[in-house]
C-alpha cells in the first residue's frame, strides 16, 4: 500500500473547515459523521483530503504508535505533541484530542488546565471518558468555551476495572446506568458522545433520546449519528484477531487474498463513503 494524498479525493481546500454548528447541521439532516483516529501530519493530510469529517487524536496512540499494552501510559505531553503534528497538516476536519488518564479525574480545574494545553496545541474539542461523576467537570469546561466529547460504554482508560474489552450495557441494570450517564453528559453540555462496544439497540435509543448530543459509534451498530475507527484497524494493520466490528477497508469485500489492495487514500475515501451511505457498519454483523 502507498500513500497518495491526491488519489481520488478532493483537495481539503475545496471544502470549508468544519465547525461545531456545521456538524450539528449535518447530524440534524441525517448526514452521518465519519471520524477516524489520527496521530501525525502525513496521515492528517490524507484523511483530510479524503473527506473525513473529524480527526481524533486518540490516546490509542499508546497502543498503535508507542506499542504499549494499554492507553494508561500516555501522558498529556504525548497528547499535546501528536495534536500539534495533526493540527499543522489538517485544513478542514474537526479536530478532537483525548484527555489522557490521570489528567482530568481529580477536579474540574485539573481538567480545564489539561484541556487548555490540548486546545493550545490545536484541538477544537477534548474528549474524556466517564459518566455522571464527571458531569460537573464537563459543565465546567463547556461554560469556559471548551467543547466536550464524552465517552461511554467500553472506556479503555478503565479497562482493568471493567475486566477487559467487553461489551457494556448487556443487562438491564447496566443499560439503565448507561442511559443515566448519557443523560448526565447531555445535561452538562457535552456536544458529542462516543459509544463504544454498546448493544446496537441501546446505542440507537440513547442517540434518539439526546439528538442535541451527536453520538459516534464504535462497535455500537448503525443507529448513531456517526462512526469512528482506529485508523490502523481500518488499514488492516491490527495484529492478531481483528475485532468483529472492524473491517479492513484496503480490501474490496469478497476479494481474493492475492488481489491487489486499495491505496490508503482510496481505503479512507471508501470508509467515508460507506459511513455516509449507511453501508458501514452492517448491524447484522456488528451489533451485539
C-alpha atoms as a PDB file:
ATOM      1  CA  UNK A   1       0.000   0.000   0.000  1.00  0.00           C
ATOM      2  CA  UNK A   2       1.169   3.530  -0.692  1.00  0.00           C
ATOM      3  CA  UNK A   3       0.194   6.978   0.480  1.00  0.00           C
ATOM      4  CA  UNK A   4      -1.270   9.162  -2.260  1.00  0.00           C
ATOM      5  CA  UNK A   5      -2.962  12.193  -0.669  1.00  0.00           C
ATOM      6  CA  UNK A   6      -4.396  13.286  -4.015  1.00  0.00           C
ATOM      7  CA  UNK A   7      -5.743   9.912  -5.087  1.00  0.00           C
ATOM      8  CA  UNK A   8      -9.490  10.065  -5.865  1.00  0.00           C
ATOM      9  CA  UNK A   9     -10.008  12.704  -3.192  1.00  0.00           C
ATOM     10  CA  UNK A  10     -10.815  16.378  -3.403  1.00  0.00           C
ATOM     11  CA  UNK A  11      -8.290  18.835  -2.081  1.00  0.00           C
ATOM     12  CA  UNK A  12      -9.112  19.781   1.524  1.00  0.00           C
ATOM     13  CA  UNK A  13      -9.041  23.400   0.338  1.00  0.00           C
ATOM     14  CA  UNK A  14     -12.161  22.581  -1.712  1.00  0.00           C
ATOM     15  CA  UNK A  15     -14.325  22.232   1.390  1.00  0.00           C
ATOM     16  CA  UNK A  16     -14.800  24.756   4.179  1.00  0.00           C
ATOM     17  CA  UNK A  17     -13.470  23.998   7.633  1.00  0.00           C
ATOM     18  CA  UNK A  18     -15.969  22.042   9.670  1.00  0.00           C
ATOM     19  CA  UNK A  19     -17.283  23.795  12.759  1.00  0.00           C
ATOM     20  CA  UNK A  20     -19.416  22.540  15.631  1.00  0.00           C
ATOM     21  CA  UNK A  21     -22.551  24.258  14.211  1.00  0.00           C
ATOM     22  CA  UNK A  22     -21.909  22.671  10.791  1.00  0.00           C
ATOM     23  CA  UNK A  23     -21.511  19.222  12.352  1.00  0.00           C
ATOM     24  CA  UNK A  24     -24.781  19.732  14.208  1.00  0.00           C
ATOM     25  CA  UNK A  25     -26.486  20.746  10.962  1.00  0.00           C
ATOM     26  CA  UNK A  26     -25.166  17.593   9.280  1.00  0.00           C
ATOM     27  CA  UNK A  27     -26.465  15.454  12.112  1.00  0.00           C
ATOM     28  CA  UNK A  28     -29.845  17.197  12.147  1.00  0.00           C
ATOM     29  CA  UNK A  29     -30.421  16.460   8.465  1.00  0.00           C
ATOM     30  CA  UNK A  30     -29.348  12.827   8.892  1.00  0.00           C
ATOM     31  CA  UNK A  31     -25.891  13.004   7.310  1.00  0.00           C
ATOM     32  CA  UNK A  32     -23.592  10.574   9.088  1.00  0.00           C
ATOM     33  CA  UNK A  33     -20.343  11.886  10.587  1.00  0.00           C
ATOM     34  CA  UNK A  34     -17.212   9.981   9.545  1.00  0.00           C
ATOM     35  CA  UNK A  35     -14.449  10.118  12.159  1.00  0.00           C
ATOM     36  CA  UNK A  36     -11.036   8.423  12.303  1.00  0.00           C
ATOM     37  CA  UNK A  37      -8.139   8.490  14.704  1.00  0.00           C
ATOM     38  CA  UNK A  38      -5.038  10.313  13.508  1.00  0.00           C
ATOM     39  CA  UNK A  39      -1.639  10.808  15.117  1.00  0.00           C
ATOM     40  CA  UNK A  40       0.682  12.553  12.645  1.00  0.00           C
ATOM     41  CA  UNK A  41       0.878  15.149   9.879  1.00  0.00           C
ATOM     42  CA  UNK A  42       1.162  12.775   6.916  1.00  0.00           C
ATOM     43  CA  UNK A  43      -1.984  10.878   7.761  1.00  0.00           C
ATOM     44  CA  UNK A  44      -3.756  14.111   8.690  1.00  0.00           C
ATOM     45  CA  UNK A  45      -3.278  15.322   5.087  1.00  0.00           C
ATOM     46  CA  UNK A  46      -4.526  12.026   3.662  1.00  0.00           C
ATOM     47  CA  UNK A  47      -7.591  11.805   5.891  1.00  0.00           C
ATOM     48  CA  UNK A  48      -8.492  15.463   5.449  1.00  0.00           C
ATOM     49  CA  UNK A  49      -8.192  15.182   1.665  1.00  0.00           C
ATOM     50  CA  UNK A  50     -10.353  12.034   1.674  1.00  0.00           C
ATOM     51  CA  UNK A  51     -13.217  13.941   3.312  1.00  0.00           C
ATOM     52  CA  UNK A  52     -13.070  12.634   6.867  1.00  0.00           C
ATOM     53  CA  UNK A  53     -15.284  14.906   8.955  1.00  0.00           C
ATOM     54  CA  UNK A  54     -13.486  14.627  12.290  1.00  0.00           C
ATOM     55  CA  UNK A  55      -9.986  13.572  13.306  1.00  0.00           C
ATOM     56  CA  UNK A  56      -9.496  12.149  16.779  1.00  0.00           C
ATOM     57  CA  UNK A  57      -6.015  12.355  18.246  1.00  0.00           C
ATOM     58  CA  UNK A  58      -6.747   9.406  20.487  1.00  0.00           C
ATOM     59  CA  UNK A  59      -4.800   8.082  23.414  1.00  0.00           C
ATOM     60  CA  UNK A  60      -4.967   4.860  21.407  1.00  0.00           C
ATOM     61  CA  UNK A  61      -1.614   6.157  20.165  1.00  0.00           C
ATOM     62  CA  UNK A  62      -0.280   4.344  23.213  1.00  0.00           C
ATOM     63  CA  UNK A  63      -1.222   1.052  21.547  1.00  0.00           C
ATOM     64  CA  UNK A  64      -0.638   1.704  17.857  1.00  0.00           C
ATOM     65  CA  UNK A  65       2.255   4.192  17.943  1.00  0.00           C
ATOM     66  CA  UNK A  66       4.078   3.544  21.213  1.00  0.00           C
ATOM     67  CA  UNK A  67       3.492  -0.205  21.444  1.00  0.00           C
ATOM     68  CA  UNK A  68       2.014  -0.015  24.936  1.00  0.00           C
ATOM     69  CA  UNK A  69      -0.394  -2.702  26.200  1.00  0.00           C
ATOM     70  CA  UNK A  70      -2.994  -0.060  27.150  1.00  0.00           C
ATOM     71  CA  UNK A  71      -3.686   3.662  26.884  1.00  0.00           C
ATOM     72  CA  UNK A  72      -2.771   4.337  30.507  1.00  0.00           C
ATOM     73  CA  UNK A  73       0.944   5.210  29.956  1.00  0.00           C
ATOM     74  CA  UNK A  74       0.043   8.053  27.563  1.00  0.00           C
ATOM     75  CA  UNK A  75       0.826  11.452  29.104  1.00  0.00           C
ATOM     76  CA  UNK A  76      -0.537  14.931  28.483  1.00  0.00           C
ATOM     77  CA  UNK A  77       2.734  15.932  26.820  1.00  0.00           C
ATOM     78  CA  UNK A  78       2.404  12.974  24.417  1.00  0.00           C
ATOM     79  CA  UNK A  79      -1.123  14.072  23.544  1.00  0.00           C
ATOM     80  CA  UNK A  80      -0.099  17.695  23.033  1.00  0.00           C
ATOM     81  CA  UNK A  81       2.797  16.672  20.751  1.00  0.00           C
ATOM     82  CA  UNK A  82       0.638  14.500  18.498  1.00  0.00           C
ATOM     83  CA  UNK A  83      -2.172  17.069  18.466  1.00  0.00           C
ATOM     84  CA  UNK A  84       0.309  19.685  17.240  1.00  0.00           C
ATOM     85  CA  UNK A  85       1.502  17.317  14.497  1.00  0.00           C
ATOM     86  CA  UNK A  86      -2.022  16.673  13.243  1.00  0.00           C
ATOM     87  CA  UNK A  87      -3.112  20.300  13.536  1.00  0.00           C
ATOM     88  CA  UNK A  88      -0.244  21.513  11.334  1.00  0.00           C
ATOM     89  CA  UNK A  89      -1.447  19.433   8.378  1.00  0.00           C
ATOM     90  CA  UNK A  90      -5.207  19.433   8.895  1.00  0.00           C
ATOM     91  CA  UNK A  91      -7.195  22.015   6.956  1.00  0.00           C
ATOM     92  CA  UNK A  92     -10.903  21.274   7.186  1.00  0.00           C
ATOM     93  CA  UNK A  93     -11.663  18.361   9.518  1.00  0.00           C
ATOM     94  CA  UNK A  94     -12.892  18.961  13.084  1.00  0.00           C
ATOM     95  CA  UNK A  95     -10.008  18.104  15.429  1.00  0.00           C
ATOM     96  CA  UNK A  96     -10.621  16.333  18.747  1.00  0.00           C
ATOM     97  CA  UNK A  97      -7.972  15.323  21.296  1.00  0.00           C
ATOM     98  CA  UNK A  98      -8.234  12.856  24.160  1.00  0.00           C
ATOM     99  CA  UNK A  99      -7.609  13.938  27.717  1.00  0.00           C
ATOM    100  CA  UNK A 100      -5.309  11.133  28.898  1.00  0.00           C
ATOM    101  CA  UNK A 101      -5.611   9.057  32.035  1.00  0.00           C
ATOM    102  CA  UNK A 102      -4.858  10.939  35.267  1.00  0.00           C
ATOM    103  CA  UNK A 103      -5.194  14.424  33.751  1.00  0.00           C
ATOM    104  CA  UNK A 104      -8.851  15.253  34.418  1.00  0.00           C
ATOM    105  CA  UNK A 105     -10.322  12.996  37.104  1.00  0.00           C
ATOM    106  CA  UNK A 106      -9.206  14.891  40.227  1.00  0.00           C
ATOM    107  CA  UNK A 107     -11.124  18.124  39.731  1.00  0.00           C
ATOM    108  CA  UNK A 108     -12.746  20.350  37.098  1.00  0.00           C
ATOM    109  CA  UNK A 109      -9.795  22.725  37.395  1.00  0.00           C
ATOM    110  CA  UNK A 110      -7.332  19.925  36.644  1.00  0.00           C
ATOM    111  CA  UNK A 111      -9.408  19.017  33.589  1.00  0.00           C
ATOM    112  CA  UNK A 112      -9.527  22.653  32.473  1.00  0.00           C
ATOM    113  CA  UNK A 113      -5.741  23.037  32.745  1.00  0.00           C
ATOM    114  CA  UNK A 114      -5.202  19.870  30.677  1.00  0.00           C
ATOM    115  CA  UNK A 115      -7.820  20.916  28.133  1.00  0.00           C
ATOM    116  CA  UNK A 116      -6.166  24.307  27.703  1.00  0.00           C
ATOM    117  CA  UNK A 117      -2.909  22.538  26.871  1.00  0.00           C
ATOM    118  CA  UNK A 118      -4.585  20.497  24.124  1.00  0.00           C
ATOM    119  CA  UNK A 119      -6.579  23.430  22.760  1.00  0.00           C
ATOM    120  CA  UNK A 120      -3.391  25.487  22.511  1.00  0.00           C
ATOM    121  CA  UNK A 121      -1.840  22.544  20.635  1.00  0.00           C
ATOM    122  CA  UNK A 122      -4.598  22.822  18.009  1.00  0.00           C
ATOM    123  CA  UNK A 123      -7.556  20.784  19.264  1.00  0.00           C
ATOM    124  CA  UNK A 124     -11.050  22.200  18.770  1.00  0.00           C
ATOM    125  CA  UNK A 125     -12.682  19.790  21.225  1.00  0.00           C
ATOM    126  CA  UNK A 126     -11.479  17.496  24.010  1.00  0.00           C
ATOM    127  CA  UNK A 127     -12.725  14.006  24.816  1.00  0.00           C
ATOM    128  CA  UNK A 128     -12.930  12.406  28.240  1.00  0.00           C
ATOM    129  CA  UNK A 129     -14.079   9.014  29.465  1.00  0.00           C
ATOM    130  CA  UNK A 130     -16.725   8.557  32.141  1.00  0.00           C
ATOM    131  CA  UNK A 131     -20.310   9.238  33.074  1.00  0.00           C
ATOM    132  CA  UNK A 132     -22.312  11.100  35.665  1.00  0.00           C
ATOM    133  CA  UNK A 133     -19.439  11.503  38.100  1.00  0.00           C
ATOM    134  CA  UNK A 134     -17.806  13.807  35.547  1.00  0.00           C
ATOM    135  CA  UNK A 135     -20.881  15.902  34.797  1.00  0.00           C
ATOM    136  CA  UNK A 136     -19.578  18.799  36.877  1.00  0.00           C
ATOM    137  CA  UNK A 137     -16.277  18.655  35.008  1.00  0.00           C
ATOM    138  CA  UNK A 138     -17.991  18.668  31.612  1.00  0.00           C
ATOM    139  CA  UNK A 139     -20.141  21.635  32.629  1.00  0.00           C
ATOM    140  CA  UNK A 140     -17.061  23.468  33.939  1.00  0.00           C
ATOM    141  CA  UNK A 141     -15.275  23.045  30.597  1.00  0.00           C
ATOM    142  CA  UNK A 142     -18.292  23.917  28.447  1.00  0.00           C
ATOM    143  CA  UNK A 143     -19.015  27.037  30.488  1.00  0.00           C
ATOM    144  CA  UNK A 144     -15.457  28.168  29.722  1.00  0.00           C
ATOM    145  CA  UNK A 145     -15.723  27.719  25.981  1.00  0.00           C
ATOM    146  CA  UNK A 146     -14.197  24.252  25.596  1.00  0.00           C
ATOM    147  CA  UNK A 147     -16.343  21.860  23.522  1.00  0.00           C
ATOM    148  CA  UNK A 148     -16.508  18.383  25.041  1.00  0.00           C
ATOM    149  CA  UNK A 149     -16.961  14.909  23.622  1.00  0.00           C
ATOM    150  CA  UNK A 150     -17.913  12.342  26.267  1.00  0.00           C
ATOM    151  CA  UNK A 151     -17.138   8.620  26.016  1.00  0.00           C
ATOM    152  CA  UNK A 152     -19.289   5.822  27.472  1.00  0.00           C
ATOM    153  CA  UNK A 153     -19.559   2.064  27.181  1.00  0.00           C
ATOM    154  CA  UNK A 154     -16.182   0.391  26.931  1.00  0.00           C
ATOM    155  CA  UNK A 155     -13.814   3.054  28.271  1.00  0.00           C
ATOM    156  CA  UNK A 156     -10.218   1.912  27.628  1.00  0.00           C
ATOM    157  CA  UNK A 157      -8.747   4.027  30.441  1.00  0.00           C
ATOM    158  CA  UNK A 158     -10.818   1.885  32.839  1.00  0.00           C
ATOM    159  CA  UNK A 159     -10.184  -1.432  31.118  1.00  0.00           C
ATOM    160  CA  UNK A 160      -8.705  -3.064  34.229  1.00  0.00           C
ATOM    161  CA  UNK A 161     -11.678  -2.053  36.355  1.00  0.00           C
ATOM    162  CA  UNK A 162     -14.035  -3.354  33.662  1.00  0.00           C
ATOM    163  CA  UNK A 163     -12.247  -6.699  33.488  1.00  0.00           C
ATOM    164  CA  UNK A 164     -11.168  -6.441  29.854  1.00  0.00           C
ATOM    165  CA  UNK A 165     -12.502  -5.343  26.481  1.00  0.00           C
ATOM    166  CA  UNK A 166     -16.110  -6.447  26.881  1.00  0.00           C
ATOM    167  CA  UNK A 167     -19.448  -5.260  25.571  1.00  0.00           C
ATOM    168  CA  UNK A 168     -21.078  -2.907  28.064  1.00  0.00           C
ATOM    169  CA  UNK A 169     -24.781  -2.483  28.835  1.00  0.00           C
ATOM    170  CA  UNK A 170     -25.934  -6.014  28.052  1.00  0.00           C
ATOM    171  CA  UNK A 171     -28.248  -6.471  31.059  1.00  0.00           C
ATOM    172  CA  UNK A 172     -30.977  -4.060  32.109  1.00  0.00           C
ATOM    173  CA  UNK A 173     -29.135  -2.702  35.149  1.00  0.00           C
ATOM    174  CA  UNK A 174     -26.040  -1.902  33.080  1.00  0.00           C
ATOM    175  CA  UNK A 175     -28.185  -0.435  30.298  1.00  0.00           C
ATOM    176  CA  UNK A 176     -30.017   1.781  32.798  1.00  0.00           C
ATOM    177  CA  UNK A 177     -26.681   3.037  34.126  1.00  0.00           C
ATOM    178  CA  UNK A 178     -25.543   3.909  30.588  1.00  0.00           C
ATOM    179  CA  UNK A 179     -28.807   5.740  29.906  1.00  0.00           C
ATOM    180  CA  UNK A 180     -28.370   7.754  33.108  1.00  0.00           C
ATOM    181  CA  UNK A 181     -24.735   8.571  32.285  1.00  0.00           C
ATOM    182  CA  UNK A 182     -25.681   9.683  28.763  1.00  0.00           C
ATOM    183  CA  UNK A 183     -28.444  11.908  30.151  1.00  0.00           C
ATOM    184  CA  UNK A 184     -25.987  13.445  32.619  1.00  0.00           C
ATOM    185  CA  UNK A 185     -23.491  14.178  29.836  1.00  0.00           C
ATOM    186  CA  UNK A 186     -26.194  15.760  27.676  1.00  0.00           C
ATOM    187  CA  UNK A 187     -27.453  17.896  30.558  1.00  0.00           C
ATOM    188  CA  UNK A 188     -23.884  19.032  31.302  1.00  0.00           C
ATOM    189  CA  UNK A 189     -23.488  20.271  27.727  1.00  0.00           C
ATOM    190  CA  UNK A 190     -21.402  17.580  26.002  1.00  0.00           C
ATOM    191  CA  UNK A 191     -21.724  18.167  22.266  1.00  0.00           C
ATOM    192  CA  UNK A 192     -20.633  14.673  21.262  1.00  0.00           C
ATOM    193  CA  UNK A 193     -20.715  11.215  22.807  1.00  0.00           C
ATOM    194  CA  UNK A 194     -18.641   8.223  21.733  1.00  0.00           C
ATOM    195  CA  UNK A 195     -20.438   4.947  22.443  1.00  0.00           C
ATOM    196  CA  UNK A 196     -18.013   2.023  22.368  1.00  0.00           C
ATOM    197  CA  UNK A 197     -18.975  -1.662  22.461  1.00  0.00           C
ATOM    198  CA  UNK A 198     -22.603  -0.991  23.343  1.00  0.00           C
ATOM    199  CA  UNK A 199     -25.567  -3.077  22.069  1.00  0.00           C
ATOM    200  CA  UNK A 200     -26.929  -1.532  18.888  1.00  0.00           C
ATOM    201  CA  UNK A 201     -30.463  -1.141  20.221  1.00  0.00           C
ATOM    202  CA  UNK A 202     -29.219   0.700  23.310  1.00  0.00           C
ATOM    203  CA  UNK A 203     -26.944   2.971  21.251  1.00  0.00           C
ATOM    204  CA  UNK A 204     -29.869   3.824  18.970  1.00  0.00           C
ATOM    205  CA  UNK A 205     -32.091   4.538  21.975  1.00  0.00           C
ATOM    206  CA  UNK A 206     -29.523   6.886  23.534  1.00  0.00           C
ATOM    207  CA  UNK A 207     -29.000   8.634  20.194  1.00  0.00           C
ATOM    208  CA  UNK A 208     -32.709   9.249  19.745  1.00  0.00           C
ATOM    209  CA  UNK A 209     -33.136  10.425  23.348  1.00  0.00           C
ATOM    210  CA  UNK A 210     -30.428  13.110  23.028  1.00  0.00           C
ATOM    211  CA  UNK A 211     -30.398  14.465  19.453  1.00  0.00           C
ATOM    212  CA  UNK A 212     -28.524  17.585  20.592  1.00  0.00           C
ATOM    213  CA  UNK A 213     -25.545  15.389  21.572  1.00  0.00           C
ATOM    214  CA  UNK A 214     -24.078  13.794  18.443  1.00  0.00           C
ATOM    215  CA  UNK A 215     -23.398  10.116  19.106  1.00  0.00           C
ATOM    216  CA  UNK A 216     -20.416   8.453  17.459  1.00  0.00           C
ATOM    217  CA  UNK A 217     -20.387   4.673  17.495  1.00  0.00           C
ATOM    218  CA  UNK A 218     -17.569   2.153  17.524  1.00  0.00           C
ATOM    219  CA  UNK A 219     -18.872  -1.377  17.767  1.00  0.00           C
ATOM    220  CA  UNK A 220     -22.303   0.068  18.612  1.00  0.00           C
ATOM    221  CA  UNK A 221     -24.316  -0.523  15.454  1.00  0.00           C
ATOM    222  CA  UNK A 222     -25.550   1.884  12.806  1.00  0.00           C
ATOM    223  CA  UNK A 223     -28.060   3.890  14.838  1.00  0.00           C
ATOM    224  CA  UNK A 224     -25.629   6.578  15.959  1.00  0.00           C
ATOM    225  CA  UNK A 225     -25.028   9.968  14.332  1.00  0.00           C
ATOM    226  CA  UNK A 226     -21.631   8.837  13.087  1.00  0.00           C
ATOM    227  CA  UNK A 227     -18.868   6.264  13.277  1.00  0.00           C
ATOM    228  CA  UNK A 228     -15.238   6.187  14.389  1.00  0.00           C
ATOM    229  CA  UNK A 229     -12.494   3.613  13.911  1.00  0.00           C
ATOM    230  CA  UNK A 230      -8.863   3.419  14.880  1.00  0.00           C
ATOM    231  CA  UNK A 231      -7.023   4.205  11.635  1.00  0.00           C
ATOM    232  CA  UNK A 232      -4.705   1.221  11.934  1.00  0.00           C
ATOM    233  CA  UNK A 233      -7.706  -1.112  12.241  1.00  0.00           C
ATOM    234  CA  UNK A 234      -9.282   0.340   9.087  1.00  0.00           C
ATOM    235  CA  UNK A 235      -5.998  -0.271   7.225  1.00  0.00           C
ATOM    236  CA  UNK A 236      -5.800  -3.903   8.292  1.00  0.00           C
ATOM    237  CA  UNK A 237      -2.743  -3.333  10.467  1.00  0.00           C
ATOM    238  CA  UNK A 238      -4.250  -4.720  13.679  1.00  0.00           C
ATOM    239  CA  UNK A 239      -2.048  -7.560  14.981  1.00  0.00           C
ATOM    240  CA  UNK A 240      -3.765 -10.761  15.992  1.00  0.00           C
ATOM    241  CA  UNK A 241      -7.516 -11.237  15.891  1.00  0.00           C
ATOM    242  CA  UNK A 242      -9.433  -8.274  14.476  1.00  0.00           C
ATOM    243  CA  UNK A 243     -12.438  -7.023  16.478  1.00  0.00           C
ATOM    244  CA  UNK A 244     -15.696  -8.185  14.887  1.00  0.00           C
ATOM    245  CA  UNK A 245     -16.907  -4.612  14.318  1.00  0.00           C
ATOM    246  CA  UNK A 246     -13.787  -3.684  12.297  1.00  0.00           C
ATOM    247  CA  UNK A 247     -13.496  -4.001   8.525  1.00  0.00           C
ATOM    248  CA  UNK A 248     -10.259  -3.870   6.538  1.00  0.00           C
ATOM    249  CA  UNK A 249     -11.079  -1.126   4.039  1.00  0.00           C
ATOM    250  CA  UNK A 250      -7.951  -1.775   1.985  1.00  0.00           C
ATOM    251  CA  UNK A 251      -9.647  -4.931   0.679  1.00  0.00           C
ATOM    252  CA  UNK A 252     -12.675  -4.981  -1.571  1.00  0.00           C
ATOM    253  CA  UNK A 253     -15.443  -7.043   0.053  1.00  0.00           C
ATOM    254  CA  UNK A 254     -15.161 -10.630  -1.147  1.00  0.00           C
ATOM    255  CA  UNK A 255     -11.808 -10.077  -2.882  1.00  0.00           C
ATOM    256  CA  UNK A 256      -9.272 -12.892  -3.031  1.00  0.00           C
ATOM    257  CA  UNK A 257      -6.321 -12.652  -0.627  1.00  0.00           C
ATOM    258  CA  UNK A 258      -3.918 -12.306  -3.567  1.00  0.00           C
ATOM    259  CA  UNK A 259      -5.884  -9.448  -5.146  1.00  0.00           C
ATOM    260  CA  UNK A 260      -4.199  -6.031  -5.022  1.00  0.00           C
ATOM    261  CA  UNK A 261      -5.319  -3.831  -2.160  1.00  0.00           C
ATOM    262  CA  UNK A 262      -6.527  -0.259  -2.307  1.00  0.00           C
ATOM    263  CA  UNK A 263      -4.212   2.639  -1.612  1.00  0.00           C
ATOM    264  CA  UNK A 264      -4.502   4.217   1.819  1.00  0.00           C
ATOM    265  CA  UNK A 265      -6.231   7.273   0.361  1.00  0.00           C
ATOM    266  CA  UNK A 266      -8.739   5.108  -1.511  1.00  0.00           C
ATOM    267  CA  UNK A 267      -9.405   2.964   1.562  1.00  0.00           C
ATOM    268  CA  UNK A 268     -10.129   6.036   3.697  1.00  0.00           C
ATOM    269  CA  UNK A 269     -12.370   7.502   0.973  1.00  0.00           C
ATOM    270  CA  UNK A 270     -14.259   4.183   0.872  1.00  0.00           C
ATOM    271  CA  UNK A 271     -14.747   4.337   4.640  1.00  0.00           C
ATOM    272  CA  UNK A 272     -16.140   7.873   4.404  1.00  0.00           C
ATOM    273  CA  UNK A 273     -18.488   6.826   1.598  1.00  0.00           C
ATOM    274  CA  UNK A 274     -19.712   3.693   3.370  1.00  0.00           C
ATOM    275  CA  UNK A 275     -20.363   5.501   6.657  1.00  0.00           C
ATOM    276  CA  UNK A 276     -22.341   8.240   4.933  1.00  0.00           C
ATOM    277  CA  UNK A 277     -24.214   5.749   2.733  1.00  0.00           C
ATOM    278  CA  UNK A 278     -25.172   3.663   5.744  1.00  0.00           C
ATOM    279  CA  UNK A 279     -23.275   0.650   4.415  1.00  0.00           C
ATOM    280  CA  UNK A 280     -20.904   0.570   7.387  1.00  0.00           C
ATOM    281  CA  UNK A 281     -21.435  -0.752   9.933  1.00  0.00           C
ATOM    282  CA  UNK A 282     -23.637  -3.677   8.948  1.00  0.00           C
ATOM    283  CA  UNK A 283     -25.783  -4.229  12.030  1.00  0.00           C
ATOM    284  CA  UNK A 284     -26.313  -7.866  11.106  1.00  0.00           C
ATOM    285  CA  UNK A 285     -22.576  -8.376  11.524  1.00  0.00           C
ATOM    286  CA  UNK A 286     -21.530  -5.808  14.094  1.00  0.00           C
ATOM    287  CA  UNK A 287     -24.447  -5.466  16.509  1.00  0.00           C
ATOM    288  CA  UNK A 288     -24.386  -7.230  19.862  1.00  0.00           C
END
